[in-house]
Amino acid sequence: MYYMEVKAATKKLSKVLSDEDLLQKNYGKLLSKKIKLRIVEFYKAESLVEISHLPPPRLHLLQGTREFAVDISRNWRIVFEAYNEEGNVTIKKNDARIIKITRIEDYH
């Protein structure tokens, strides 16, 4: 069984995502817990097909881009690009094997 690989787009984001204290400092206790939950869901999935398009994760493709997003709260979401096994950006959920988180944002 093959599971997805999760990366961060920048060193700064990678450091925040890998350090519990920094994660809580940047996003608060509740949001940091939900961020970790979504990341674990990515690690456990074989592809994006296994991530629900229904709430709470509500996986969706951002209009006019090649980026996906999942909700972590009513206003916050994790935005990422998906890559296939060859390392090419893909918008096909069943081809996604690598997730590169580009940002975590409050979009309201």
N, C-alpha and C. Protein backbone atom coordinates (compact mmCIF):
# COMPACT_ATOMS: atom_id res chain seq x y z
N MET A 1 0.85 -1.19 0.00
CA MET A 1 0.00 0.00 0.00
C MET A 1 0.89 1.24 0.00
N TYR A 2 0.51 2.21 -0.79
CA TYR A 2 1.29 3.44 -0.95
C TYR A 2 0.54 4.59 -0.31
N TYR A 3 1.21 5.36 0.52
CA TYR A 3 0.59 6.52 1.14
C TYR A 3 1.20 7.80 0.60
N MET A 4 0.45 8.87 0.70
CA MET A 4 0.92 10.15 0.17
C MET A 4 2.05 10.72 1.04
N GLU A 5 2.89 11.48 0.38
CA GLU A 5 3.98 12.20 1.03
C GLU A 5 3.51 13.64 1.20
N VAL A 6 3.81 14.22 2.35
CA VAL A 6 3.39 15.60 2.63
C VAL A 6 4.63 16.45 2.86
N LYS A 7 4.71 17.57 2.12
CA LYS A 7 5.83 18.51 2.23
C LYS A 7 5.28 19.92 2.41
N ALA A 8 6.16 20.82 2.77
CA ALA A 8 5.82 22.25 2.82
C ALA A 8 6.57 22.95 1.70
N ALA A 9 5.97 24.00 1.16
CA ALA A 9 6.57 24.72 0.03
C ALA A 9 7.78 25.55 0.42
N THR A 10 7.85 25.96 1.68
CA THR A 10 8.98 26.78 2.13
C THR A 10 9.61 26.19 3.39
N LYS A 11 10.85 26.58 3.65
CA LYS A 11 11.53 26.12 4.86
C LYS A 11 10.82 26.63 6.11
N LYS A 12 10.36 27.87 6.04
CA LYS A 12 9.66 28.47 7.19
C LYS A 12 8.39 27.69 7.53
N LEU A 13 7.59 27.39 6.51
CA LEU A 13 6.36 26.63 6.74
C LEU A 13 6.68 25.22 7.22
N SER A 14 7.70 24.62 6.67
CA SER A 14 8.11 23.29 7.10
C SER A 14 8.49 23.28 8.58
N LYS A 15 9.21 24.31 8.99
CA LYS A 15 9.62 24.42 10.39
C LYS A 15 8.39 24.59 11.30
N VAL A 16 7.45 25.43 10.89
CA VAL A 16 6.24 25.64 11.68
C VAL A 16 5.44 24.35 11.79
N LEU A 17 5.29 23.64 10.68
CA LEU A 17 4.49 22.41 10.68
C LEU A 17 5.14 21.29 11.48
N SER A 18 6.44 21.32 11.65
CA SER A 18 7.14 20.25 12.35
C SER A 18 7.41 20.57 13.82
N ASP A 19 7.06 21.76 14.27
CA ASP A 19 7.32 22.18 15.65
C ASP A 19 6.00 22.54 16.33
N GLU A 20 5.62 21.74 17.30
CA GLU A 20 4.35 21.92 18.01
C GLU A 20 4.20 23.33 18.59
N ASP A 21 5.26 23.84 19.21
CA ASP A 21 5.20 25.17 19.83
C ASP A 21 5.01 26.27 18.77
N LEU A 22 5.75 26.18 17.67
CA LEU A 22 5.60 27.17 16.60
C LEU A 22 4.22 27.09 15.96
N LEU A 23 3.72 25.88 15.80
CA LEU A 23 2.39 25.71 15.22
C LEU A 23 1.34 26.39 16.09
N GLN A 24 1.42 26.15 17.39
CA GLN A 24 0.45 26.79 18.30
C GLN A 24 0.64 28.30 18.37
N LYS A 25 1.89 28.75 18.32
CA LYS A 25 2.17 30.19 18.36
C LYS A 25 1.55 30.89 17.14
N ASN A 26 1.65 30.25 15.97
CA ASN A 26 1.16 30.85 14.73
C ASN A 26 -0.34 30.70 14.52
N TYR A 27 -0.93 29.61 15.00
CA TYR A 27 -2.33 29.33 14.68
C TYR A 27 -3.24 29.08 15.88
N GLY A 28 -2.68 29.07 17.07
CA GLY A 28 -3.48 28.82 18.26
C GLY A 28 -3.66 27.33 18.50
N LYS A 29 -4.11 26.99 19.69
CA LYS A 29 -4.21 25.59 20.10
C LYS A 29 -5.24 24.81 19.27
N LEU A 30 -6.42 25.37 19.07
CA LEU A 30 -7.47 24.65 18.35
C LEU A 30 -7.13 24.46 16.88
N LEU A 31 -6.71 25.52 16.21
CA LEU A 31 -6.36 25.41 14.79
C LEU A 31 -5.17 24.49 14.57
N SER A 32 -4.18 24.56 15.45
CA SER A 32 -3.00 23.71 15.27
C SER A 32 -3.39 22.23 15.39
N LYS A 33 -4.31 21.93 16.26
CA LYS A 33 -4.80 20.55 16.40
C LYS A 33 -5.50 20.09 15.11
N LYS A 34 -6.30 20.97 14.53
CA LYS A 34 -7.00 20.64 13.29
C LYS A 34 -6.05 20.54 12.10
N ILE A 35 -5.01 21.36 12.08
CA ILE A 35 -4.00 21.30 11.01
C ILE A 35 -3.33 19.93 11.06
N LYS A 36 -2.92 19.52 12.26
CA LYS A 36 -2.27 18.22 12.40
C LYS A 36 -3.20 17.09 11.97
N LEU A 37 -4.48 17.20 12.29
CA LEU A 37 -5.46 16.18 11.90
C LEU A 37 -5.54 16.06 10.38
N ARG A 38 -5.61 17.18 9.68
CA ARG A 38 -5.67 17.14 8.21
C ARG A 38 -4.40 16.53 7.61
N ILE A 39 -3.26 16.89 8.17
CA ILE A 39 -2.00 16.35 7.66
C ILE A 39 -1.94 14.84 7.87
N VAL A 40 -2.40 14.37 9.00
CA VAL A 40 -2.45 12.93 9.25
C VAL A 40 -3.39 12.26 8.23
N GLU A 41 -4.50 12.90 7.91
CA GLU A 41 -5.41 12.35 6.89
C GLU A 41 -4.69 12.21 5.55
N PHE A 42 -3.88 13.19 5.19
CA PHE A 42 -3.10 13.10 3.94
C PHE A 42 -2.14 11.91 3.99
N TYR A 43 -1.40 11.78 5.09
CA TYR A 43 -0.43 10.70 5.22
C TYR A 43 -1.09 9.32 5.11
N LYS A 44 -2.30 9.20 5.62
CA LYS A 44 -2.99 7.90 5.64
C LYS A 44 -3.70 7.57 4.33
N ALA A 45 -3.85 8.54 3.46
CA ALA A 45 -4.57 8.32 2.20
C ALA A 45 -3.61 7.86 1.10
N GLU A 46 -4.12 7.05 0.20
CA GLU A 46 -3.32 6.64 -0.96
C GLU A 46 -3.33 7.72 -2.03
N SER A 47 -4.41 8.49 -2.10
CA SER A 47 -4.52 9.60 -3.05
C SER A 47 -5.59 10.55 -2.52
N LEU A 48 -5.81 11.64 -3.23
CA LEU A 48 -6.82 12.62 -2.80
C LEU A 48 -8.24 12.08 -2.93
N VAL A 49 -8.42 11.00 -3.65
CA VAL A 49 -9.74 10.40 -3.77
C VAL A 49 -10.28 10.02 -2.39
N GLU A 50 -9.39 9.68 -1.48
CA GLU A 50 -9.78 9.25 -0.14
C GLU A 50 -10.07 10.41 0.81
N ILE A 51 -9.83 11.63 0.38
CA ILE A 51 -10.13 12.81 1.21
C ILE A 51 -11.50 13.32 0.80
N SER A 52 -12.40 13.43 1.75
CA SER A 52 -13.78 13.78 1.44
C SER A 52 -13.93 15.19 0.89
N HIS A 53 -14.83 15.33 -0.09
CA HIS A 53 -15.18 16.65 -0.60
C HIS A 53 -16.28 17.26 0.25
N LEU A 54 -16.78 16.50 1.20
CA LEU A 54 -17.81 16.97 2.13
C LEU A 54 -17.15 17.47 3.41
N PRO A 55 -17.82 18.35 4.14
CA PRO A 55 -17.26 18.81 5.42
C PRO A 55 -17.11 17.63 6.38
N PRO A 56 -16.13 17.65 7.30
CA PRO A 56 -15.31 18.79 7.63
C PRO A 56 -14.12 19.05 6.70
N PRO A 57 -13.47 18.05 6.04
CA PRO A 57 -12.31 18.44 5.24
C PRO A 57 -12.68 19.26 4.00
N ARG A 58 -13.76 18.92 3.37
CA ARG A 58 -14.26 19.64 2.18
C ARG A 58 -13.13 19.92 1.18
N LEU A 59 -12.52 18.86 0.69
CA LEU A 59 -11.49 19.00 -0.33
C LEU A 59 -12.09 19.63 -1.59
N HIS A 60 -11.41 20.66 -2.10
CA HIS A 60 -11.90 21.30 -3.32
C HIS A 60 -10.74 21.94 -4.08
N LEU A 61 -10.91 22.00 -5.38
CA LEU A 61 -9.94 22.64 -6.26
C LEU A 61 -10.24 24.13 -6.27
N LEU A 62 -9.24 24.96 -6.06
CA LEU A 62 -9.46 26.40 -6.07
C LEU A 62 -9.66 26.87 -7.51
N GLN A 63 -10.70 27.59 -7.72
CA GLN A 63 -11.08 28.04 -9.06
C GLN A 63 -9.96 28.84 -9.73
N GLY A 64 -9.67 28.49 -10.96
CA GLY A 64 -8.68 29.22 -11.75
C GLY A 64 -7.23 28.92 -11.38
N THR A 65 -7.01 27.88 -10.57
CA THR A 65 -5.65 27.53 -10.16
C THR A 65 -5.44 26.02 -10.31
N ARG A 66 -4.24 25.61 -9.98
CA ARG A 66 -3.94 24.17 -9.90
C ARG A 66 -3.71 23.78 -8.44
N GLU A 67 -4.36 24.51 -7.54
CA GLU A 67 -4.23 24.26 -6.11
C GLU A 67 -5.52 23.70 -5.54
N PHE A 68 -5.36 22.85 -4.55
CA PHE A 68 -6.48 22.31 -3.79
C PHE A 68 -6.49 22.97 -2.42
N ALA A 69 -7.61 22.81 -1.72
CA ALA A 69 -7.70 23.27 -0.34
C ALA A 69 -8.56 22.31 0.46
N VAL A 70 -8.26 22.23 1.75
CA VAL A 70 -9.12 21.54 2.70
C VAL A 70 -9.38 22.51 3.84
N ASP A 71 -10.57 22.44 4.37
CA ASP A 71 -10.95 23.31 5.48
C ASP A 71 -10.37 22.79 6.78
N ILE A 72 -9.98 23.73 7.64
CA ILE A 72 -9.59 23.37 9.00
C ILE A 72 -10.49 24.05 10.02
N SER A 73 -11.25 25.01 9.57
CA SER A 73 -12.29 25.64 10.38
C SER A 73 -13.22 26.37 9.41
N ARG A 74 -14.14 27.11 9.95
CA ARG A 74 -15.07 27.85 9.09
C ARG A 74 -14.35 28.84 8.16
N ASN A 75 -13.31 29.50 8.67
CA ASN A 75 -12.60 30.53 7.90
C ASN A 75 -11.21 30.11 7.42
N TRP A 76 -10.64 29.09 7.99
CA TRP A 76 -9.26 28.72 7.69
C TRP A 76 -9.19 27.49 6.80
N ARG A 77 -8.16 27.47 5.96
CA ARG A 77 -7.95 26.31 5.09
C ARG A 77 -6.46 26.10 4.83
N ILE A 78 -6.14 24.85 4.51
CA ILE A 78 -4.80 24.48 4.07
C ILE A 78 -4.84 24.44 2.54
N VAL A 79 -3.95 25.19 1.91
CA VAL A 79 -3.88 25.24 0.44
C VAL A 79 -2.62 24.49 0.02
N PHE A 80 -2.77 23.66 -1.01
CA PHE A 80 -1.64 22.84 -1.44
C PHE A 80 -1.72 22.49 -2.91
N GLU A 81 -0.58 22.10 -3.45
CA GLU A 81 -0.50 21.55 -4.80
C GLU A 81 -0.33 20.05 -4.66
N ALA A 82 -0.87 19.31 -5.63
CA ALA A 82 -0.74 17.86 -5.66
C ALA A 82 0.19 17.48 -6.81
N TYR A 83 1.01 16.47 -6.56
CA TYR A 83 1.96 15.98 -7.56
C TYR A 83 1.78 14.49 -7.75
N ASN A 84 2.02 14.03 -8.97
CA ASN A 84 1.95 12.60 -9.24
C ASN A 84 3.28 11.94 -8.89
N GLU A 85 3.39 10.63 -9.15
CA GLU A 85 4.61 9.89 -8.81
C GLU A 85 5.84 10.42 -9.53
N GLU A 86 5.64 10.99 -10.72
CA GLU A 86 6.77 11.52 -11.50
C GLU A 86 7.17 12.92 -11.04
N GLY A 87 6.43 13.51 -10.11
CA GLY A 87 6.75 14.84 -9.60
C GLY A 87 6.14 15.98 -10.38
N ASN A 88 5.13 15.68 -11.21
CA ASN A 88 4.45 16.71 -11.98
C ASN A 88 3.17 17.14 -11.28
N VAL A 89 2.87 18.43 -11.33
CA VAL A 89 1.64 18.94 -10.73
C VAL A 89 0.45 18.28 -11.41
N THR A 90 -0.54 17.89 -10.60
CA THR A 90 -1.73 17.26 -11.14
C THR A 90 -2.98 17.80 -10.44
N ILE A 91 -4.07 17.82 -11.17
CA ILE A 91 -5.36 18.14 -10.55
C ILE A 91 -6.26 16.91 -10.54
N LYS A 92 -5.71 15.77 -10.96
CA LYS A 92 -6.44 14.50 -10.91
C LYS A 92 -6.25 13.89 -9.53
N LYS A 93 -7.33 13.80 -8.78
CA LYS A 93 -7.25 13.33 -7.40
C LYS A 93 -6.63 11.94 -7.28
N ASN A 94 -6.94 11.06 -8.22
CA ASN A 94 -6.43 9.69 -8.12
C ASN A 94 -4.94 9.59 -8.48
N ASP A 95 -4.36 10.62 -9.10
CA ASP A 95 -2.93 10.62 -9.44
C ASP A 95 -2.06 11.24 -8.35
N ALA A 96 -2.67 11.93 -7.40
CA ALA A 96 -1.91 12.65 -6.37
C ALA A 96 -1.20 11.68 -5.44
N ARG A 97 0.11 11.83 -5.33
CA ARG A 97 0.93 11.02 -4.43
C ARG A 97 1.77 11.89 -3.49
N ILE A 98 1.94 13.14 -3.86
CA ILE A 98 2.72 14.08 -3.05
C ILE A 98 1.90 15.35 -2.86
N ILE A 99 1.84 15.83 -1.65
CA ILE A 99 1.14 17.06 -1.31
C ILE A 99 2.20 18.08 -0.90
N LYS A 100 2.15 19.26 -1.51
CA LYS A 100 3.06 20.33 -1.11
C LYS A 100 2.20 21.49 -0.59
N ILE A 101 2.20 21.67 0.71
CA ILE A 101 1.40 22.73 1.33
C ILE A 101 2.04 24.07 1.02
N THR A 102 1.27 24.96 0.37
CA THR A 102 1.80 26.26 0.01
C THR A 102 1.48 27.33 1.04
N ARG A 103 0.33 27.17 1.71
CA ARG A 103 -0.03 28.15 2.73
C ARG A 103 -1.20 27.66 3.57
N ILE A 104 -1.33 28.25 4.74
CA ILE A 104 -2.48 28.05 5.60
C ILE A 104 -3.05 29.44 5.78
N GLU A 105 -4.30 29.61 5.36
CA GLU A 105 -4.82 30.98 5.31
C GLU A 105 -6.23 31.12 5.85
N ASP A 106 -6.50 32.33 6.32
CA ASP A 106 -7.84 32.76 6.68
C ASP A 106 -8.37 33.48 5.45
N TYR A 107 -9.32 32.89 4.78
CA TYR A 107 -9.78 33.46 3.51
C TYR A 107 -11.01 34.36 3.65
N HIS A 108 -11.37 34.70 4.86
CA HIS A 108 -12.49 35.65 5.05
C HIS A 108 -11.99 36.98 5.54
